[in-house]
Amino acid sequence: MSRIPPPIFKSESTRTAECDKIVVGVADMAVARDAHKSIVTYALGSCIGVTLYDPVAKVAGMLHFMLPESTVSPDKAAINPAMFGDAGLPLLFQKVLDAGARRERLIVCAAGGAEVLADDGHFRIGNRNRTVLRKIFWKLNLLLASDDTGGQHSRTMTLRLIDGQISIRSQGKDSLLWPH
């Protein structure tokens, strides 16, 4: 009598990597408390991705904002504050605290803000997004632990909740944003 081989399953790490990824779209945010999750955002060109992470509570949040100031479209900002840095950053901060993070333990990182559009430097969205990021953090009395902003290339940003590791993928290369 021949034995039927057991079914082939993906390894636990592969299944975890695929199933436990929270994707943050453009003009979107997410907050998570599950240490088995990762939060990822793609296509950070002139947009900026911001992460907040509490290593003790294992609470993390990520924002992918497109534009610096909500005053350009108050109606859109009311519907989707994550579209704008000045509206989305304070909201992300509050949601992470509401989920159990403590302000004094937060590790804050950012990526994106590139000048990828061929607009002859007229709009300079990436530069304006980087400026509003620093203004809001100054108002919130927060410091960036690390950032990968500026330049001319798009980035993908991934945060692992288990240890807070933040990786950046740009131009086919991976690098570690935090810890350094």
C-alpha atoms as a PDB file:
ATOM      1  CA  MET A   1       0.000   0.000   0.000  1.00  0.00           C
ATOM      2  CA  SER A   2       1.568   3.295  -1.042  1.00  0.00           C
ATOM      3  CA  ARG A   3       1.581   6.218   1.283  1.00  0.00           C
ATOM      4  CA  ILE A   4       0.002   9.476   0.130  1.00  0.00           C
ATOM      5  CA  PRO A   5       2.420  12.348   0.699  1.00  0.00           C
ATOM      6  CA  PRO A   6       1.187  15.126   2.971  1.00  0.00           C
ATOM      7  CA  PRO A   7      -0.021  18.292   1.278  1.00  0.00           C
ATOM      8  CA  ILE A   8       2.601  20.930   0.630  1.00  0.00           C
ATOM      9  CA  PHE A   9       2.064  24.157   2.491  1.00  0.00           C
ATOM     10  CA  LYS A  10       3.954  27.390   2.361  1.00  0.00           C
ATOM     11  CA  SER A  11       6.366  27.821   5.218  1.00  0.00           C
ATOM     12  CA  GLU A  12       5.072  29.622   8.284  1.00  0.00           C
ATOM     13  CA  SER A  13       7.254  32.642   7.561  1.00  0.00           C
ATOM     14  CA  THR A  14       5.967  32.916   3.997  1.00  0.00           C
ATOM     15  CA  ARG A  15       2.357  32.638   5.112  1.00  0.00           C
ATOM     16  CA  THR A  16       2.932  35.212   7.824  1.00  0.00           C
ATOM     17  CA  ALA A  17       4.609  37.617   5.411  1.00  0.00           C
ATOM     18  CA  GLU A  18       1.683  37.410   2.993  1.00  0.00           C
ATOM     19  CA  CYS A  19      -1.226  37.298   5.430  1.00  0.00           C
ATOM     20  CA  ASP A  20      -0.112  39.776   8.047  1.00  0.00           C
ATOM     21  CA  LYS A  21       0.719  42.760   5.877  1.00  0.00           C
ATOM     22  CA  ILE A  22      -1.381  45.898   6.251  1.00  0.00           C
ATOM     23  CA  VAL A  23      -1.143  48.022   3.124  1.00  0.00           C
ATOM     24  CA  VAL A  24      -1.493  51.786   3.476  1.00  0.00           C
ATOM     25  CA  GLY A  25      -2.543  53.385   0.214  1.00  0.00           C
ATOM     26  CA  VAL A  26      -1.981  56.921  -0.978  1.00  0.00           C
ATOM     27  CA  ALA A  27      -3.820  59.407   1.275  1.00  0.00           C
ATOM     28  CA  ASP A  28      -4.371  56.656   3.833  1.00  0.00           C
ATOM     29  CA  MET A  29      -3.286  55.626   7.314  1.00  0.00           C
ATOM     30  CA  ALA A  30      -3.333  52.538   9.513  1.00  0.00           C
ATOM     31  CA  VAL A  31      -2.723  51.784  13.180  1.00  0.00           C
ATOM     32  CA  ALA A  32      -2.014  48.275  14.456  1.00  0.00           C
ATOM     33  CA  ARG A  33      -1.325  46.563  17.778  1.00  0.00           C
ATOM     34  CA  ASP A  34      -0.585  43.030  16.592  1.00  0.00           C
ATOM     35  CA  ALA A  35       3.132  42.207  16.870  1.00  0.00           C
ATOM     36  CA  HIS A  36       2.764  39.716  14.002  1.00  0.00           C
ATOM     37  CA  LYS A  37       1.790  42.438  11.543  1.00  0.00           C
ATOM     38  CA  SER A  38       3.779  44.620   9.196  1.00  0.00           C
ATOM     39  CA  ILE A  39       2.562  47.906   7.749  1.00  0.00           C
ATOM     40  CA  VAL A  40       3.721  48.822   4.246  1.00  0.00           C
ATOM     41  CA  THR A  41       3.184  51.681   1.828  1.00  0.00           C
ATOM     42  CA  TYR A  42       4.265  51.840  -1.793  1.00  0.00           C
ATOM     43  CA  ALA A  43       5.089  54.591  -4.280  1.00  0.00           C
ATOM     44  CA  LEU A  44       6.346  57.292  -1.942  1.00  0.00           C
ATOM     45  CA  GLY A  45       7.414  59.790  -4.563  1.00  0.00           C
ATOM     46  CA  SER A  46       6.633  63.371  -3.563  1.00  0.00           C
ATOM     47  CA  CYS A  47       4.280  61.883  -0.933  1.00  0.00           C
ATOM     48  CA  ILE A  48       5.652  61.207   2.539  1.00  0.00           C
ATOM     49  CA  GLY A  49       5.253  58.113   4.656  1.00  0.00           C
ATOM     50  CA  VAL A  50       5.443  58.626   8.419  1.00  0.00           C
ATOM     51  CA  THR A  51       5.707  55.885  11.020  1.00  0.00           C
ATOM     52  CA  LEU A  52       5.133  56.072  14.762  1.00  0.00           C
ATOM     53  CA  TYR A  53       6.167  53.064  16.852  1.00  0.00           C
ATOM     54  CA  ASP A  54       6.005  52.251  20.567  1.00  0.00           C
ATOM     55  CA  PRO A  55       8.436  49.356  21.198  1.00  0.00           C
ATOM     56  CA  VAL A  56       6.914  48.442  24.573  1.00  0.00           C
ATOM     57  CA  ALA A  57       3.232  48.453  23.631  1.00  0.00           C
ATOM     58  CA  LYS A  58       3.988  47.144  20.101  1.00  0.00           C
ATOM     59  CA  VAL A  59       1.664  49.801  18.703  1.00  0.00           C
ATOM     60  CA  ALA A  60       2.458  51.337  15.351  1.00  0.00           C
ATOM     61  CA  GLY A  61       0.919  53.667  12.853  1.00  0.00           C
ATOM     62  CA  MET A  62       1.712  54.749   9.327  1.00  0.00           C
ATOM     63  CA  LEU A  63       0.464  57.689   7.267  1.00  0.00           C
ATOM     64  CA  HIS A  64       0.956  58.215   3.523  1.00  0.00           C
ATOM     65  CA  PHE A  65       0.112  61.860   2.820  1.00  0.00           C
ATOM     66  CA  MET A  66       0.075  63.508  -0.615  1.00  0.00           C
ATOM     67  CA  LEU A  67      -0.046  67.242  -0.041  1.00  0.00           C
ATOM     68  CA  PRO A  68       1.250  69.543   2.672  1.00  0.00           C
ATOM     69  CA  GLU A  69      -1.700  71.762   3.559  1.00  0.00           C
ATOM     70  CA  SER A  70      -5.411  71.068   3.815  1.00  0.00           C
ATOM     71  CA  THR A  71      -6.239  74.725   3.129  1.00  0.00           C
ATOM     72  CA  VAL A  72      -6.028  73.982  -0.620  1.00  0.00           C
ATOM     73  CA  SER A  73      -9.160  71.833  -0.304  1.00  0.00           C
ATOM     74  CA  PRO A  74     -11.001  71.975   3.038  1.00  0.00           C
ATOM     75  CA  ASP A  75     -13.809  69.789   1.653  1.00  0.00           C
ATOM     76  CA  LYS A  76     -11.394  67.002   0.725  1.00  0.00           C
ATOM     77  CA  ALA A  77      -9.603  67.390   4.056  1.00  0.00           C
ATOM     78  CA  ALA A  78     -12.893  66.957   5.931  1.00  0.00           C
ATOM     79  CA  ILE A  79     -13.573  63.721   4.043  1.00  0.00           C
ATOM     80  CA  ASN A  80      -9.998  62.390   4.104  1.00  0.00           C
ATOM     81  CA  PRO A  81      -7.562  64.157   6.445  1.00  0.00           C
ATOM     82  CA  ALA A  82      -4.874  61.557   5.611  1.00  0.00           C
ATOM     83  CA  MET A  83      -4.470  63.239   2.223  1.00  0.00           C
ATOM     84  CA  PHE A  84      -2.775  66.240   3.861  1.00  0.00           C
ATOM     85  CA  GLY A  85       0.252  66.461   6.154  1.00  0.00           C
ATOM     86  CA  ASP A  86      -1.149  69.195   8.389  1.00  0.00           C
ATOM     87  CA  ALA A  87      -4.387  67.245   9.008  1.00  0.00           C
ATOM     88  CA  GLY A  88      -3.106  63.665   8.825  1.00  0.00           C
ATOM     89  CA  LEU A  89      -0.066  63.886  11.104  1.00  0.00           C
ATOM     90  CA  PRO A  90      -1.927  65.059  14.236  1.00  0.00           C
ATOM     91  CA  LEU A  91      -4.658  62.484  13.522  1.00  0.00           C
ATOM     92  CA  LEU A  92      -2.114  59.654  13.198  1.00  0.00           C
ATOM     93  CA  PHE A  93      -0.438  60.750  16.407  1.00  0.00           C
ATOM     94  CA  GLN A  94      -3.768  60.744  18.272  1.00  0.00           C
ATOM     95  CA  LYS A  95      -4.835  57.352  16.888  1.00  0.00           C
ATOM     96  CA  VAL A  96      -1.542  55.747  17.951  1.00  0.00           C
ATOM     97  CA  LEU A  97      -1.915  57.161  21.471  1.00  0.00           C
ATOM     98  CA  ASP A  98      -5.546  55.985  21.583  1.00  0.00           C
ATOM     99  CA  ALA A  99      -4.338  52.476  20.668  1.00  0.00           C
ATOM    100  CA  GLY A 100      -2.083  52.370  23.734  1.00  0.00           C
ATOM    101  CA  ALA A 101       1.216  53.931  22.670  1.00  0.00           C
ATOM    102  CA  ARG A 102       2.990  56.283  25.046  1.00  0.00           C
ATOM    103  CA  ARG A 103       4.280  59.581  23.711  1.00  0.00           C
ATOM    104  CA  GLU A 104       7.672  59.372  25.449  1.00  0.00           C
ATOM    105  CA  ARG A 105       8.425  55.969  23.847  1.00  0.00           C
ATOM    106  CA  LEU A 106       7.492  56.837  20.262  1.00  0.00           C
ATOM    107  CA  ILE A 107      10.054  56.229  17.556  1.00  0.00           C
ATOM    108  CA  VAL A 108       9.230  58.470  14.600  1.00  0.00           C
ATOM    109  CA  CYS A 109      10.540  57.925  11.065  1.00  0.00           C
ATOM    110  CA  ALA A 110       9.720  59.322   7.628  1.00  0.00           C
ATOM    111  CA  ALA A 111      10.464  58.562   3.987  1.00  0.00           C
ATOM    112  CA  GLY A 112       9.562  60.074   0.627  1.00  0.00           C
ATOM    113  CA  GLY A 113       9.250  63.726  -0.273  1.00  0.00           C
ATOM    114  CA  ALA A 114      11.187  63.315  -3.503  1.00  0.00           C
ATOM    115  CA  GLU A 115      11.019  65.673  -6.458  1.00  0.00           C
ATOM    116  CA  VAL A 116       9.912  63.124  -9.032  1.00  0.00           C
ATOM    117  CA  LEU A 117       7.622  65.207 -11.249  1.00  0.00           C
ATOM    118  CA  ALA A 118       9.063  67.084 -14.196  1.00  0.00           C
ATOM    119  CA  ASP A 119       7.512  70.430 -13.273  1.00  0.00           C
ATOM    120  CA  ASP A 120      10.638  72.576 -13.592  1.00  0.00           C
ATOM    121  CA  GLY A 121      10.623  72.995  -9.812  1.00  0.00           C
ATOM    122  CA  HIS A 122       7.493  75.134  -9.898  1.00  0.00           C
ATOM    123  CA  PHE A 123       5.293  73.124  -7.527  1.00  0.00           C
ATOM    124  CA  ARG A 124       8.052  71.399  -5.508  1.00  0.00           C
ATOM    125  CA  ILE A 125       5.517  69.171  -3.728  1.00  0.00           C
ATOM    126  CA  GLY A 126       8.206  66.947  -2.199  1.00  0.00           C
ATOM    127  CA  ASN A 127       9.997  69.935  -0.685  1.00  0.00           C
ATOM    128  CA  ARG A 128       6.743  71.419   0.608  1.00  0.00           C
ATOM    129  CA  ASN A 129       5.771  68.053   2.131  1.00  0.00           C
ATOM    130  CA  ARG A 130       9.135  67.811   3.901  1.00  0.00           C
ATOM    131  CA  THR A 131       8.688  71.357   5.259  1.00  0.00           C
ATOM    132  CA  VAL A 132       5.214  70.699   6.670  1.00  0.00           C
ATOM    133  CA  LEU A 133       6.456  67.444   8.212  1.00  0.00           C
ATOM    134  CA  ARG A 134       9.100  69.296  10.189  1.00  0.00           C
ATOM    135  CA  LYS A 135       6.698  72.117  11.164  1.00  0.00           C
ATOM    136  CA  ILE A 136       4.080  69.695  12.495  1.00  0.00           C
ATOM    137  CA  PHE A 137       6.666  67.680  14.402  1.00  0.00           C
ATOM    138  CA  TRP A 138       8.038  70.879  15.881  1.00  0.00           C
ATOM    139  CA  LYS A 139       4.512  71.812  17.044  1.00  0.00           C
ATOM    140  CA  LEU A 140       4.003  68.311  18.481  1.00  0.00           C
ATOM    141  CA  ASN A 141       7.476  68.420  20.071  1.00  0.00           C
ATOM    142  CA  LEU A 142       8.568  65.224  18.281  1.00  0.00           C
ATOM    143  CA  LEU A 143      11.935  64.400  16.774  1.00  0.00           C
ATOM    144  CA  LEU A 144      12.588  62.151  13.811  1.00  0.00           C
ATOM    145  CA  ALA A 145      14.651  59.121  14.826  1.00  0.00           C
ATOM    146  CA  SER A 146      15.536  58.602  11.175  1.00  0.00           C
ATOM    147  CA  ASP A 147      14.432  59.715   7.740  1.00  0.00           C
ATOM    148  CA  ASP A 148      15.048  58.994   4.081  1.00  0.00           C
ATOM    149  CA  THR A 149      13.545  62.015   2.365  1.00  0.00           C
ATOM    150  CA  GLY A 150      14.286  64.108  -0.689  1.00  0.00           C
ATOM    151  CA  GLY A 151      16.118  63.016  -3.790  1.00  0.00           C
ATOM    152  CA  GLN A 152      14.399  62.016  -7.008  1.00  0.00           C
ATOM    153  CA  HIS A 153      13.369  58.399  -6.491  1.00  0.00           C
ATOM    154  CA  SER A 154      10.245  56.648  -5.272  1.00  0.00           C
ATOM    155  CA  ARG A 155      10.360  54.444  -2.164  1.00  0.00           C
ATOM    156  CA  THR A 156       8.489  51.605  -0.482  1.00  0.00           C
ATOM    157  CA  MET A 157       8.432  51.721   3.321  1.00  0.00           C
ATOM    158  CA  THR A 158       7.754  48.726   5.595  1.00  0.00           C
ATOM    159  CA  LEU A 159       7.441  48.694   9.396  1.00  0.00           C
ATOM    160  CA  ARG A 160       7.509  45.412  11.376  1.00  0.00           C
ATOM    161  CA  LEU A 161       5.591  45.638  14.626  1.00  0.00           C
ATOM    162  CA  ILE A 162       7.499  42.813  16.338  1.00  0.00           C
ATOM    163  CA  ASP A 163      10.676  44.902  16.568  1.00  0.00           C
ATOM    164  CA  GLY A 164       9.950  48.249  14.896  1.00  0.00           C
ATOM    165  CA  GLN A 165      12.357  47.616  12.032  1.00  0.00           C
ATOM    166  CA  ILE A 166      11.713  49.977   9.146  1.00  0.00           C
ATOM    167  CA  SER A 167      13.031  49.052   5.731  1.00  0.00           C
ATOM    168  CA  ILE A 168      13.112  51.097   2.559  1.00  0.00           C
ATOM    169  CA  ARG A 169      13.127  49.734  -0.966  1.00  0.00           C
ATOM    170  CA  SER A 170      14.192  52.138  -3.695  1.00  0.00           C
ATOM    171  CA  GLN A 171      15.560  51.495  -7.174  1.00  0.00           C
ATOM    172  CA  GLY A 172      15.609  47.757  -6.534  1.00  0.00           C
ATOM    173  CA  LYS A 173      17.736  48.045  -3.389  1.00  0.00           C
ATOM    174  CA  ASP A 174      16.749  47.461   0.241  1.00  0.00           C
ATOM    175  CA  SER A 175      18.099  49.470   3.147  1.00  0.00           C
ATOM    176  CA  LEU A 176      17.370  49.746   6.835  1.00  0.00           C
ATOM    177  CA  LEU A 177      15.943  53.065   8.008  1.00  0.00           C
ATOM    178  CA  TRP A 178      15.553  52.084  11.667  1.00  0.00           C
ATOM    179  CA  PRO A 179      17.351  50.916  13.676  1.00  0.00           C
ATOM    180  CA  HIS A 180      20.427  52.403  12.014  1.00  0.00           C
END
